[in-house]
N, C-alpha and C. Protein backbone atom coordinates (compact mmCIF):
# COMPACT_ATOMS: atom_id res chain seq x y z
N MET A 1 4.03 -0.53 11.33
CA MET A 1 3.45 0.62 12.00
C MET A 1 2.00 0.31 12.35
N CYS A 2 1.67 0.46 13.59
CA CYS A 2 0.30 0.33 14.07
C CYS A 2 -0.26 1.74 14.19
N PHE A 3 -1.43 1.95 13.64
CA PHE A 3 -2.01 3.29 13.66
C PHE A 3 -2.83 3.51 14.92
N ALA A 4 -2.54 4.59 15.62
CA ALA A 4 -3.25 4.91 16.86
C ALA A 4 -4.55 5.65 16.59
N ASN A 5 -4.59 6.42 15.49
CA ASN A 5 -5.80 7.20 15.21
C ASN A 5 -5.90 7.52 13.72
N GLN A 6 -7.03 8.11 13.35
CA GLN A 6 -7.30 8.43 11.95
C GLN A 6 -6.31 9.45 11.39
N GLU A 7 -5.86 10.36 12.23
CA GLU A 7 -4.91 11.38 11.79
C GLU A 7 -3.62 10.75 11.28
N GLU A 8 -3.14 9.72 11.97
CA GLU A 8 -1.93 9.02 11.54
C GLU A 8 -2.14 8.35 10.18
N VAL A 9 -3.31 7.78 9.98
CA VAL A 9 -3.62 7.13 8.70
C VAL A 9 -3.68 8.18 7.59
N LEU A 10 -4.34 9.30 7.88
CA LEU A 10 -4.44 10.37 6.88
C LEU A 10 -3.05 10.91 6.51
N THR A 11 -2.17 11.01 7.50
CA THR A 11 -0.80 11.45 7.23
C THR A 11 -0.10 10.45 6.32
N ALA A 12 -0.26 9.17 6.60
CA ALA A 12 0.36 8.13 5.77
C ALA A 12 -0.21 8.16 4.35
N ILE A 13 -1.51 8.38 4.22
CA ILE A 13 -2.13 8.49 2.89
C ILE A 13 -1.54 9.69 2.15
N GLY A 14 -1.36 10.80 2.84
CA GLY A 14 -0.77 11.99 2.23
C GLY A 14 0.65 11.72 1.73
N GLN A 15 1.41 10.95 2.50
CA GLN A 15 2.78 10.61 2.09
C GLN A 15 2.77 9.73 0.85
N VAL A 16 1.85 8.78 0.81
CA VAL A 16 1.74 7.91 -0.37
C VAL A 16 1.30 8.73 -1.58
N ASP A 17 0.34 9.63 -1.38
CA ASP A 17 -0.12 10.49 -2.48
C ASP A 17 1.02 11.33 -3.03
N ALA A 18 1.86 11.86 -2.15
CA ALA A 18 3.00 12.67 -2.58
C ALA A 18 3.99 11.82 -3.38
N GLU A 19 4.19 10.60 -2.94
CA GLU A 19 5.09 9.69 -3.66
C GLU A 19 4.53 9.34 -5.03
N ILE A 20 3.23 9.10 -5.09
CA ILE A 20 2.59 8.80 -6.38
C ILE A 20 2.74 9.99 -7.32
N ALA A 21 2.49 11.18 -6.81
CA ALA A 21 2.61 12.39 -7.65
C ALA A 21 4.04 12.57 -8.15
N ARG A 22 4.99 12.23 -7.31
CA ARG A 22 6.40 12.38 -7.67
C ARG A 22 6.80 11.49 -8.84
N TYR A 23 6.21 10.31 -8.93
CA TYR A 23 6.59 9.34 -9.95
C TYR A 23 5.56 9.15 -11.05
N THR A 24 4.52 9.94 -11.07
CA THR A 24 3.49 9.78 -12.09
C THR A 24 4.07 10.05 -13.47
N PRO A 25 3.85 9.11 -14.41
CA PRO A 25 4.36 9.32 -15.76
C PRO A 25 3.83 10.62 -16.34
N GLY A 26 4.70 11.27 -17.11
CA GLY A 26 4.31 12.54 -17.71
C GLY A 26 5.01 13.70 -17.05
N ARG A 27 5.40 13.53 -15.80
CA ARG A 27 6.10 14.61 -15.10
C ARG A 27 7.52 14.77 -15.63
N CYS A 28 8.11 13.69 -16.09
CA CYS A 28 9.47 13.79 -16.63
C CYS A 28 9.54 13.16 -18.01
N GLU A 29 8.45 13.27 -18.75
CA GLU A 29 8.41 12.73 -20.09
C GLU A 29 9.36 13.47 -21.00
N GLN A 30 9.94 12.73 -21.90
CA GLN A 30 10.78 13.38 -22.90
C GLN A 30 10.57 12.64 -24.20
N SER A 31 10.85 13.30 -25.29
CA SER A 31 10.69 12.71 -26.61
C SER A 31 11.76 11.66 -26.83
N ILE A 32 11.35 10.55 -27.48
CA ILE A 32 12.33 9.51 -27.76
C ILE A 32 12.93 9.68 -29.15
N SER A 33 12.39 10.62 -29.94
CA SER A 33 12.97 10.82 -31.26
C SER A 33 14.36 11.42 -31.10
N GLY A 34 15.30 10.89 -31.84
CA GLY A 34 16.67 11.36 -31.74
C GLY A 34 17.44 10.72 -30.60
N MET A 35 16.78 9.85 -29.84
CA MET A 35 17.42 9.20 -28.70
C MET A 35 18.16 7.95 -29.20
N HIS A 36 19.34 7.71 -28.68
CA HIS A 36 20.11 6.50 -29.01
C HIS A 36 19.32 5.28 -28.54
N MET A 37 19.42 4.17 -29.27
CA MET A 37 18.66 2.97 -28.94
C MET A 37 18.93 2.51 -27.50
N ALA A 38 20.17 2.55 -27.07
CA ALA A 38 20.51 2.13 -25.70
C ALA A 38 19.84 3.05 -24.68
N ASP A 39 19.81 4.34 -24.97
CA ASP A 39 19.14 5.28 -24.07
C ASP A 39 17.65 4.99 -24.02
N HIS A 40 17.08 4.68 -25.19
CA HIS A 40 15.65 4.37 -25.25
C HIS A 40 15.34 3.11 -24.43
N CYS A 41 16.18 2.08 -24.57
CA CYS A 41 15.98 0.84 -23.80
C CYS A 41 16.10 1.10 -22.30
N PHE A 42 17.07 1.92 -21.92
CA PHE A 42 17.23 2.28 -20.51
C PHE A 42 15.98 3.01 -20.02
N GLU A 43 15.48 3.94 -20.84
CA GLU A 43 14.28 4.71 -20.49
C GLU A 43 13.09 3.77 -20.32
N GLN A 44 12.95 2.79 -21.23
CA GLN A 44 11.86 1.82 -21.14
C GLN A 44 11.96 1.02 -19.84
N GLY A 45 13.18 0.59 -19.50
CA GLY A 45 13.38 -0.16 -18.25
C GLY A 45 13.03 0.67 -17.04
N THR A 46 13.41 1.93 -17.07
CA THR A 46 13.09 2.85 -15.98
C THR A 46 11.58 3.02 -15.86
N MET A 47 10.91 3.14 -17.00
CA MET A 47 9.45 3.29 -16.98
C MET A 47 8.77 2.05 -16.41
N THR A 48 9.31 0.87 -16.72
CA THR A 48 8.75 -0.37 -16.19
C THR A 48 8.88 -0.42 -14.68
N VAL A 49 10.05 -0.07 -14.17
CA VAL A 49 10.28 -0.04 -12.72
C VAL A 49 9.36 0.99 -12.07
N THR A 50 9.24 2.15 -12.69
CA THR A 50 8.38 3.21 -12.15
C THR A 50 6.93 2.76 -12.11
N THR A 51 6.47 2.11 -13.18
CA THR A 51 5.10 1.62 -13.22
C THR A 51 4.85 0.61 -12.11
N SER A 52 5.80 -0.29 -11.90
CA SER A 52 5.68 -1.28 -10.83
C SER A 52 5.62 -0.60 -9.46
N TYR A 53 6.47 0.40 -9.27
CA TYR A 53 6.50 1.14 -8.00
C TYR A 53 5.17 1.86 -7.78
N LEU A 54 4.63 2.47 -8.84
CA LEU A 54 3.35 3.17 -8.72
C LEU A 54 2.23 2.20 -8.38
N GLN A 55 2.28 0.99 -8.92
CA GLN A 55 1.28 -0.01 -8.58
C GLN A 55 1.37 -0.40 -7.11
N GLN A 56 2.60 -0.52 -6.60
CA GLN A 56 2.80 -0.83 -5.18
C GLN A 56 2.25 0.31 -4.31
N MET A 57 2.52 1.53 -4.71
CA MET A 57 2.03 2.69 -3.96
C MET A 57 0.51 2.75 -3.98
N ASP A 58 -0.09 2.42 -5.12
CA ASP A 58 -1.55 2.41 -5.23
C ASP A 58 -2.15 1.34 -4.32
N THR A 59 -1.51 0.18 -4.29
CA THR A 59 -1.95 -0.90 -3.39
C THR A 59 -1.85 -0.44 -1.93
N GLN A 60 -0.74 0.20 -1.58
CA GLN A 60 -0.55 0.71 -0.23
C GLN A 60 -1.63 1.73 0.12
N ARG A 61 -1.94 2.60 -0.83
CA ARG A 61 -2.96 3.63 -0.61
C ARG A 61 -4.32 2.98 -0.34
N ARG A 62 -4.65 1.96 -1.12
CA ARG A 62 -5.94 1.27 -0.92
C ARG A 62 -6.00 0.61 0.45
N LYS A 63 -4.88 0.01 0.88
CA LYS A 63 -4.84 -0.61 2.20
C LYS A 63 -5.05 0.44 3.30
N LEU A 64 -4.41 1.59 3.14
CA LEU A 64 -4.56 2.66 4.12
C LEU A 64 -6.00 3.17 4.15
N LEU A 65 -6.62 3.29 3.00
CA LEU A 65 -8.03 3.70 2.96
C LEU A 65 -8.91 2.67 3.66
N GLY A 66 -8.55 1.39 3.52
CA GLY A 66 -9.28 0.33 4.22
C GLY A 66 -9.13 0.46 5.73
N VAL A 67 -7.92 0.76 6.19
CA VAL A 67 -7.67 0.98 7.62
C VAL A 67 -8.50 2.15 8.11
N LEU A 68 -8.51 3.24 7.35
CA LEU A 68 -9.28 4.42 7.72
C LEU A 68 -10.76 4.08 7.83
N ASP A 69 -11.26 3.32 6.88
CA ASP A 69 -12.67 2.90 6.90
C ASP A 69 -12.98 2.07 8.14
N LEU A 70 -12.08 1.14 8.48
CA LEU A 70 -12.29 0.32 9.68
C LEU A 70 -12.28 1.18 10.94
N MET A 71 -11.40 2.17 10.99
CA MET A 71 -11.36 3.08 12.14
C MET A 71 -12.67 3.85 12.26
N GLN A 72 -13.17 4.31 11.14
CA GLN A 72 -14.42 5.08 11.15
C GLN A 72 -15.59 4.22 11.60
N GLN A 73 -15.52 2.92 11.30
CA GLN A 73 -16.57 1.98 11.73
C GLN A 73 -16.37 1.51 13.17
N GLY A 74 -15.18 1.79 13.71
CA GLY A 74 -14.86 1.34 15.06
C GLY A 74 -14.45 -0.12 15.13
N THR A 75 -14.02 -0.69 14.00
CA THR A 75 -13.65 -2.10 13.98
C THR A 75 -12.18 -2.35 13.67
N TYR A 76 -11.37 -1.29 13.66
CA TYR A 76 -9.94 -1.48 13.39
C TYR A 76 -9.31 -2.26 14.54
N GLY A 77 -8.55 -3.28 14.19
CA GLY A 77 -7.88 -4.09 15.21
C GLY A 77 -8.73 -5.21 15.75
N ILE A 78 -9.88 -5.45 15.14
CA ILE A 78 -10.76 -6.54 15.56
C ILE A 78 -10.83 -7.56 14.42
N CYS A 79 -10.58 -8.81 14.74
CA CYS A 79 -10.59 -9.88 13.75
C CYS A 79 -11.98 -10.00 13.13
N GLN A 80 -12.02 -9.99 11.81
CA GLN A 80 -13.30 -10.07 11.11
C GLN A 80 -13.87 -11.49 11.10
N GLU A 81 -13.07 -12.45 11.52
CA GLU A 81 -13.53 -13.83 11.55
C GLU A 81 -14.07 -14.21 12.93
N CYS A 82 -13.27 -14.02 13.98
CA CYS A 82 -13.67 -14.47 15.32
C CYS A 82 -14.12 -13.34 16.24
N GLY A 83 -13.81 -12.10 15.88
CA GLY A 83 -14.22 -10.96 16.70
C GLY A 83 -13.27 -10.61 17.83
N ASP A 84 -12.19 -11.38 17.98
CA ASP A 84 -11.19 -11.08 19.00
C ASP A 84 -10.34 -9.89 18.57
N LYS A 85 -9.69 -9.26 19.56
CA LYS A 85 -8.77 -8.17 19.24
C LYS A 85 -7.53 -8.74 18.54
N ILE A 86 -7.08 -8.03 17.52
CA ILE A 86 -5.83 -8.40 16.85
C ILE A 86 -4.71 -7.82 17.70
N PRO A 87 -3.74 -8.65 18.11
CA PRO A 87 -2.66 -8.16 18.97
C PRO A 87 -1.90 -6.99 18.34
N PRO A 88 -1.54 -6.00 19.17
CA PRO A 88 -0.80 -4.83 18.66
C PRO A 88 0.47 -5.20 17.89
N LYS A 89 1.16 -6.27 18.33
CA LYS A 89 2.38 -6.68 17.63
C LYS A 89 2.07 -7.07 16.18
N ARG A 90 0.94 -7.72 15.97
CA ARG A 90 0.54 -8.09 14.60
C ARG A 90 0.21 -6.84 13.80
N LEU A 91 -0.49 -5.90 14.41
CA LEU A 91 -0.85 -4.67 13.71
C LEU A 91 0.39 -3.82 13.40
N GLU A 92 1.41 -3.94 14.23
CA GLU A 92 2.67 -3.23 13.94
C GLU A 92 3.31 -3.79 12.67
N ARG A 93 3.25 -5.11 12.52
CA ARG A 93 3.85 -5.76 11.35
C ARG A 93 2.94 -5.67 10.13
N VAL A 94 1.63 -5.80 10.34
CA VAL A 94 0.65 -5.78 9.24
C VAL A 94 -0.48 -4.83 9.64
N PRO A 95 -0.28 -3.52 9.45
CA PRO A 95 -1.27 -2.53 9.91
C PRO A 95 -2.66 -2.71 9.31
N ASP A 96 -2.75 -3.34 8.15
CA ASP A 96 -4.06 -3.52 7.51
C ASP A 96 -4.62 -4.93 7.73
N ALA A 97 -4.10 -5.63 8.75
CA ALA A 97 -4.56 -6.99 9.03
C ALA A 97 -6.05 -6.99 9.36
N LEU A 98 -6.77 -7.90 8.73
CA LEU A 98 -8.20 -8.04 8.99
C LEU A 98 -8.49 -9.23 9.89
N LEU A 99 -7.50 -10.11 10.03
CA LEU A 99 -7.67 -11.33 10.82
C LEU A 99 -6.55 -11.46 11.84
N CYS A 100 -6.87 -12.11 12.97
CA CYS A 100 -5.83 -12.44 13.95
C CYS A 100 -4.97 -13.56 13.35
N VAL A 101 -3.85 -13.85 13.98
CA VAL A 101 -2.93 -14.86 13.45
C VAL A 101 -3.62 -16.21 13.35
N LYS A 102 -4.38 -16.57 14.38
CA LYS A 102 -5.05 -17.88 14.40
C LYS A 102 -6.00 -18.02 13.21
N CYS A 103 -6.82 -17.02 12.97
CA CYS A 103 -7.78 -17.08 11.85
C CYS A 103 -7.07 -16.98 10.51
N GLN A 104 -6.02 -16.16 10.43
CA GLN A 104 -5.26 -16.04 9.19
C GLN A 104 -4.61 -17.37 8.83
N THR A 105 -4.11 -18.08 9.85
CA THR A 105 -3.49 -19.38 9.63
C THR A 105 -4.52 -20.37 9.08
N LYS A 106 -5.73 -20.35 9.64
CA LYS A 106 -6.80 -21.23 9.16
C LYS A 106 -7.12 -20.95 7.69
N VAL A 107 -7.18 -19.68 7.34
CA VAL A 107 -7.50 -19.27 5.97
C VAL A 107 -6.42 -19.73 5.00
N GLU A 108 -5.17 -19.67 5.43
CA GLU A 108 -4.05 -20.00 4.55
C GLU A 108 -3.78 -21.49 4.44
N GLN A 109 -4.31 -22.29 5.37
CA GLN A 109 -4.08 -23.73 5.31
C GLN A 109 -4.93 -24.35 4.20
N PRO A 110 -4.31 -25.24 3.42
CA PRO A 110 -5.09 -25.92 2.38
C PRO A 110 -6.14 -26.83 3.01
N SER A 111 -7.27 -26.92 2.38
CA SER A 111 -8.39 -27.73 2.92
C SER A 111 -8.13 -29.20 2.83
């Protein structure tokens, strides 16, 4: 998704916030006393997956805030290395891209 304006980014941030709130530990906490060991192990596995998902959502939120910041500065879609415009196709695939493909390739190549 390539963001056309700040409103779209704010909407995406709101969606991520809602997802984070939905899975935040404590909302569906239950006591483990009296729980069968297998149920407890399943619950622990579920909590691990949930924690991982929440970390992914937090990372996504930070990226969206970065996009919003770039938009507010007027530099969204401009390569931070060479100053060229980042092609829309790249922004569709990587909305938080800071570098054009050419500069990103240079950064990723071993010295």
